Amino acid sequence: MAQETHKEVRNVLAEMFGKEVADKMIIQYGGSMKPENAKKDLLSQEDIDGGLVGGASLKADSFFEIIKSRKLKIYWRKNLNDRYRNCRAT
């Protein structure tokens, strides 16, 4: 369900601003991310680029597991600084 929602958001952005901008846009999951759902269910999805970390950030082991999951995805995406600089819609 989360992937489908994020994909639809990206599709709307593509309709409004073009595919190039939509592909560069960072779309984050708005629910609470935990180690159990971060790597397997959320960060492995094509259109989910990150998310909110609630209570898991208070436990070092849990937070580290989420960071490890995210680190893999950062390398999958192009340089994030370029994405921010190039996707400003007017």
C-alpha atoms as a PDB file:
ATOM      1  CA  MET A   1       0.000   0.000   0.000  1.00  0.00           C
ATOM      2  CA  ALA A   2       2.773   2.501   0.843  1.00  0.00           C
ATOM      3  CA  GLN A   3       4.561   1.915  -2.476  1.00  0.00           C
ATOM      4  CA  GLU A   4       1.344   2.385  -4.428  1.00  0.00           C
ATOM      5  CA  THR A   5       0.628   5.675  -2.644  1.00  0.00           C
ATOM      6  CA  HIS A   6       4.153   6.986  -3.201  1.00  0.00           C
ATOM      7  CA  LYS A   7       4.009   5.942  -6.866  1.00  0.00           C
ATOM      8  CA  GLU A   8       0.769   7.881  -7.298  1.00  0.00           C
ATOM      9  CA  VAL A   9       2.340  10.961  -5.698  1.00  0.00           C
ATOM     10  CA  ARG A  10       5.266  10.658  -8.121  1.00  0.00           C
ATOM     11  CA  ASN A  11       2.825  10.283 -11.055  1.00  0.00           C
ATOM     12  CA  VAL A  12       0.975  13.454 -10.030  1.00  0.00           C
ATOM     13  CA  LEU A  13       4.296  15.306  -9.777  1.00  0.00           C
ATOM     14  CA  ALA A  14       5.200  14.051 -13.254  1.00  0.00           C
ATOM     15  CA  GLU A  15       1.912  15.359 -14.643  1.00  0.00           C
ATOM     16  CA  MET A  16       2.415  18.735 -12.983  1.00  0.00           C
ATOM     17  CA  PHE A  17       6.161  19.313 -13.468  1.00  0.00           C
ATOM     18  CA  GLY A  18       7.438  16.623 -15.844  1.00  0.00           C
ATOM     19  CA  LYS A  19       9.002  13.202 -15.367  1.00  0.00           C
ATOM     20  CA  GLU A  20      12.526  14.521 -14.813  1.00  0.00           C
ATOM     21  CA  VAL A  21      11.453  16.615 -11.822  1.00  0.00           C
ATOM     22  CA  ALA A  22       9.262  13.805 -10.449  1.00  0.00           C
ATOM     23  CA  ASP A  23      12.130  11.320 -10.647  1.00  0.00           C
ATOM     24  CA  LYS A  24      14.428  13.687  -8.753  1.00  0.00           C
ATOM     25  CA  MET A  25      11.893  14.520  -6.042  1.00  0.00           C
ATOM     26  CA  ILE A  26      12.506  12.916  -2.646  1.00  0.00           C
ATOM     27  CA  ILE A  27       9.281  11.387  -1.306  1.00  0.00           C
ATOM     28  CA  GLN A  28       9.348  10.199   2.295  1.00  0.00           C
ATOM     29  CA  TYR A  29       7.134   7.721   4.094  1.00  0.00           C
ATOM     30  CA  GLY A  30       4.982   9.579   6.610  1.00  0.00           C
ATOM     31  CA  GLY A  31       4.413   6.766   9.108  1.00  0.00           C
ATOM     32  CA  SER A  32       6.750   5.692  11.856  1.00  0.00           C
ATOM     33  CA  MET A  33       9.667   3.711  10.498  1.00  0.00           C
ATOM     34  CA  LYS A  34      11.004   0.793  12.533  1.00  0.00           C
ATOM     35  CA  PRO A  35      13.798  -1.687  11.756  1.00  0.00           C
ATOM     36  CA  GLU A  36      11.195  -4.365  11.021  1.00  0.00           C
ATOM     37  CA  ASN A  37       9.513  -2.378   8.261  1.00  0.00           C
ATOM     38  CA  ALA A  38      12.332  -0.119   7.062  1.00  0.00           C
ATOM     39  CA  LYS A  39      14.513  -2.446   5.030  1.00  0.00           C
ATOM     40  CA  LYS A  40      12.089  -5.152   3.967  1.00  0.00           C
ATOM     41  CA  ASP A  41       8.859  -3.248   3.422  1.00  0.00           C
ATOM     42  CA  LEU A  42       9.646   0.427   2.955  1.00  0.00           C
ATOM     43  CA  LEU A  43      13.145   1.393   1.873  1.00  0.00           C
ATOM     44  CA  SER A  44      13.309  -1.451  -0.623  1.00  0.00           C
ATOM     45  CA  GLN A  45      10.420   0.118  -2.555  1.00  0.00           C
ATOM     46  CA  GLU A  46      11.256   2.096  -5.675  1.00  0.00           C
ATOM     47  CA  ASP A  47       9.292   5.243  -4.851  1.00  0.00           C
ATOM     48  CA  ILE A  48       9.924   5.516  -1.094  1.00  0.00           C
ATOM     49  CA  ASP A  49      13.051   7.589  -0.541  1.00  0.00           C
ATOM     50  CA  GLY A  50      13.057   7.865   3.244  1.00  0.00           C
ATOM     51  CA  GLY A  51      10.765   8.255   6.192  1.00  0.00           C
ATOM     52  CA  LEU A  52      10.053   9.446   9.687  1.00  0.00           C
ATOM     53  CA  VAL A  53      11.813   7.683  12.536  1.00  0.00           C
ATOM     54  CA  GLY A  54      10.020   7.986  15.853  1.00  0.00           C
ATOM     55  CA  GLY A  55      10.758   5.967  18.981  1.00  0.00           C
ATOM     56  CA  ALA A  56      13.223   3.745  17.125  1.00  0.00           C
ATOM     57  CA  SER A  57      15.631   6.687  17.088  1.00  0.00           C
ATOM     58  CA  LEU A  58      15.818   6.548  20.887  1.00  0.00           C
ATOM     59  CA  LYS A  59      17.256   3.029  20.825  1.00  0.00           C
ATOM     60  CA  ALA A  60      20.739   2.920  19.314  1.00  0.00           C
ATOM     61  CA  ASP A  61      20.455  -0.636  17.960  1.00  0.00           C
ATOM     62  CA  SER A  62      17.097   0.053  16.302  1.00  0.00           C
ATOM     63  CA  PHE A  63      18.215   3.341  14.832  1.00  0.00           C
ATOM     64  CA  PHE A  64      21.427   1.801  13.499  1.00  0.00           C
ATOM     65  CA  GLU A  65      19.442  -0.893  11.671  1.00  0.00           C
ATOM     66  CA  ILE A  66      17.357   1.781   9.956  1.00  0.00           C
ATOM     67  CA  ILE A  67      20.468   3.772   9.037  1.00  0.00           C
ATOM     68  CA  LYS A  68      22.027   0.674   7.479  1.00  0.00           C
ATOM     69  CA  SER A  69      18.879   0.179   5.391  1.00  0.00           C
ATOM     70  CA  ARG A  70      18.883   3.798   4.257  1.00  0.00           C
ATOM     71  CA  LYS A  71      22.578   3.787   3.439  1.00  0.00           C
ATOM     72  CA  LEU A  72      21.988   1.167   0.777  1.00  0.00           C
ATOM     73  CA  LYS A  73      19.290   3.278  -0.849  1.00  0.00           C
ATOM     74  CA  ILE A  74      21.389   6.450  -0.883  1.00  0.00           C
ATOM     75  CA  TYR A  75      23.905   4.716  -3.122  1.00  0.00           C
ATOM     76  CA  TRP A  76      21.079   3.591  -5.376  1.00  0.00           C
ATOM     77  CA  ARG A  77      19.962   7.173  -5.985  1.00  0.00           C
ATOM     78  CA  LYS A  78      21.986   9.866  -7.730  1.00  0.00           C
ATOM     79  CA  ASN A  79      23.825  12.421  -5.609  1.00  0.00           C
ATOM     80  CA  LEU A  80      21.205  13.979  -3.312  1.00  0.00           C
ATOM     81  CA  ASN A  81      22.714  17.455  -3.566  1.00  0.00           C
ATOM     82  CA  ASP A  82      22.191  17.404  -7.330  1.00  0.00           C
ATOM     83  CA  ARG A  83      18.602  16.305  -6.816  1.00  0.00           C
ATOM     84  CA  TYR A  84      17.824  19.248  -4.520  1.00  0.00           C
ATOM     85  CA  ARG A  85      19.555  21.752  -6.764  1.00  0.00           C
ATOM     86  CA  ASN A  86      17.926  20.543 -10.002  1.00  0.00           C
ATOM     87  CA  CYS A  87      14.322  19.881  -9.000  1.00  0.00           C
ATOM     88  CA  ARG A  88      13.097  23.323  -7.988  1.00  0.00           C
ATOM     89  CA  ALA A  89       9.825  23.884  -9.816  1.00  0.00           C
ATOM     90  CA  THR A  90       8.848  27.420 -10.784  1.00  0.00           C
END
